[in-house]
Amino acid sequence: MSGSKRKSSYDVGGTAKKHQVITMETKVKIIEIVERGEKTVNVTHSYNMNRSTISTIQKNKDKIMEYVKSAVPMMSMIISKKCRKVMEEMEKLLSVRTQDQHQSQALLSLMLIQEKAKSVYEA
């Protein structure tokens, strides 16, 4: 195997490949196409995805369909990323505040921390 190179998650320039986000809507379409009898190879070409990605979607079909039936918006993948950023910011601010309270030897209770978290999140 000398002279052969393994494929990696890095391109020639040394930068990482971008992770592809697949919405629930796209996953449902892929499941429907495969269930109609379309070959996996054709689906991989039409959606420009790896065969393993299509196979994973098929393998998780029950979970995906259950998630969709729970009346969650089809573009939920994008919504969750926005919420994640808000949550991270809220957690940072809350951490700074609790550290300040601890250094000034102020009383901290779970209820006060929860109230502050809620007010920071809603701001």
Protein backbone atom coordinates (compact mmCIF):
# COMPACT_ATOMS: atom_id res chain seq x y z
CA MET A 1 0.00 0.00 0.00
CA SER A 2 2.95 2.32 -0.30
CA GLY A 3 2.22 5.44 -2.27
CA SER A 4 -1.52 5.31 -1.58
CA LYS A 5 -3.11 8.10 0.40
CA ARG A 6 -6.10 7.81 2.68
CA LYS A 7 -9.02 10.14 2.26
CA SER A 8 -9.47 12.49 5.18
CA SER A 9 -11.89 15.17 6.26
CA TYR A 10 -9.42 17.78 5.03
CA ASP A 11 -9.11 19.03 1.50
CA VAL A 12 -5.83 19.74 -0.32
CA GLY A 13 -5.53 23.24 1.17
CA GLY A 14 -5.56 21.86 4.70
CA THR A 15 -8.95 23.29 5.66
CA ALA A 16 -11.72 21.12 7.05
CA LYS A 17 -14.70 20.26 4.87
CA LYS A 18 -17.92 21.94 5.93
CA HIS A 19 -20.46 19.76 7.71
CA GLN A 20 -23.63 19.45 5.67
CA VAL A 21 -26.86 20.16 7.56
CA ILE A 22 -29.78 18.09 6.33
CA THR A 23 -33.23 19.38 7.24
CA MET A 24 -36.01 17.08 8.33
CA GLU A 25 -37.89 18.02 5.17
CA THR A 26 -35.04 16.71 3.02
CA LYS A 27 -34.77 13.54 5.10
CA VAL A 28 -38.49 12.86 4.68
CA LYS A 29 -38.22 13.40 0.90
CA ILE A 30 -35.30 10.96 0.74
CA ILE A 31 -37.25 8.36 2.74
CA GLU A 32 -40.27 8.74 0.44
CA ILE A 33 -38.14 8.42 -2.70
CA VAL A 34 -36.43 5.27 -1.44
CA GLU A 35 -39.76 3.75 -0.37
CA ARG A 36 -41.11 4.31 -3.89
CA GLY A 37 -38.36 1.97 -5.08
CA GLU A 38 -35.73 4.42 -6.32
CA LYS A 39 -32.21 3.02 -6.13
CA THR A 40 -29.92 4.44 -3.45
CA VAL A 41 -27.31 5.26 -6.10
CA ASN A 42 -29.75 7.54 -7.92
CA VAL A 43 -30.72 9.28 -4.67
CA THR A 44 -27.07 9.88 -3.78
CA HIS A 45 -26.50 11.56 -7.13
CA SER A 46 -29.64 13.69 -7.06
CA TYR A 47 -28.98 14.96 -3.50
CA ASN A 48 -25.18 15.02 -3.86
CA MET A 49 -24.70 12.96 -0.70
CA ASN A 50 -22.65 9.93 0.24
CA ARG A 51 -24.26 6.50 0.13
CA SER A 52 -23.61 6.12 3.85
CA THR A 53 -25.60 9.30 4.56
CA ILE A 54 -28.60 7.98 2.62
CA SER A 55 -28.26 4.60 4.36
CA THR A 56 -28.18 6.27 7.79
CA ILE A 57 -31.33 8.23 6.95
CA GLN A 58 -33.03 4.98 5.89
CA LYS A 59 -31.82 3.21 9.04
CA ASN A 60 -33.25 6.00 11.23
CA LYS A 61 -36.51 6.20 9.27
CA ASP A 62 -38.73 5.36 12.25
CA LYS A 63 -37.15 8.00 14.48
CA ILE A 64 -37.30 10.63 11.74
CA MET A 65 -40.95 9.96 10.95
CA GLU A 66 -41.87 9.97 14.65
CA TYR A 67 -40.12 13.31 15.05
CA VAL A 68 -41.98 14.76 12.06
CA LYS A 69 -45.34 13.49 13.35
CA SER A 70 -44.81 15.35 16.63
CA ALA A 71 -45.74 18.55 14.71
CA VAL A 72 -42.24 20.01 14.81
CA PRO A 73 -41.57 22.46 11.95
CA MET A 74 -39.80 20.87 9.00
CA MET A 75 -36.96 23.40 9.14
CA SER A 76 -36.31 22.61 12.81
CA MET A 77 -32.62 21.90 12.26
CA ILE A 78 -32.03 25.58 11.51
CA ILE A 79 -34.18 26.76 14.42
CA SER A 80 -32.28 24.62 16.91
CA LYS A 81 -28.95 26.14 15.86
CA LYS A 82 -30.26 29.65 16.57
CA CYS A 83 -31.57 28.54 19.97
CA ARG A 84 -28.24 26.93 20.77
CA LYS A 85 -26.42 30.26 20.30
CA VAL A 86 -28.90 32.05 22.56
CA MET A 87 -28.52 29.36 25.21
CA GLU A 88 -24.72 29.53 25.08
CA GLU A 89 -24.77 33.31 25.53
CA MET A 90 -27.25 33.02 28.40
CA GLU A 91 -25.08 30.39 30.11
CA LYS A 92 -21.97 32.59 29.80
CA LEU A 93 -23.73 35.59 31.31
CA LEU A 94 -25.22 33.51 34.08
CA SER A 95 -21.85 31.95 34.89
CA VAL A 96 -20.21 35.37 35.19
CA ARG A 97 -23.01 36.58 37.45
CA THR A 98 -22.87 33.57 39.77
CA GLN A 99 -19.09 33.90 40.05
CA ASP A 100 -19.48 37.57 40.97
CA GLN A 101 -22.10 36.69 43.56
CA HIS A 102 -19.86 33.99 45.00
CA GLN A 103 -16.85 36.35 45.25
CA SER A 104 -18.92 39.00 47.01
CA GLN A 105 -20.21 36.26 49.33
CA ALA A 106 -23.81 37.00 48.42
CA LEU A 107 -26.37 34.29 49.02
CA LEU A 108 -27.12 32.08 46.05
CA SER A 109 -30.14 29.86 45.79
CA LEU A 110 -31.45 27.69 43.00
CA MET A 111 -34.56 29.86 42.72
CA LEU A 112 -32.52 33.07 42.32
CA ILE A 113 -30.29 31.47 39.70
CA GLN A 114 -33.33 30.18 37.77
CA GLU A 115 -35.01 33.59 37.87
CA LYS A 116 -31.85 35.28 36.61
CA ALA A 117 -31.46 32.68 33.87
CA LYS A 118 -35.01 33.28 32.73
CA SER A 119 -34.58 37.07 32.71
CA VAL A 120 -31.31 36.84 30.77
CA TYR A 121 -32.83 34.37 28.28
CA GLU A 122 -35.89 36.57 27.67
CA ALA A 123 -33.81 39.76 27.27
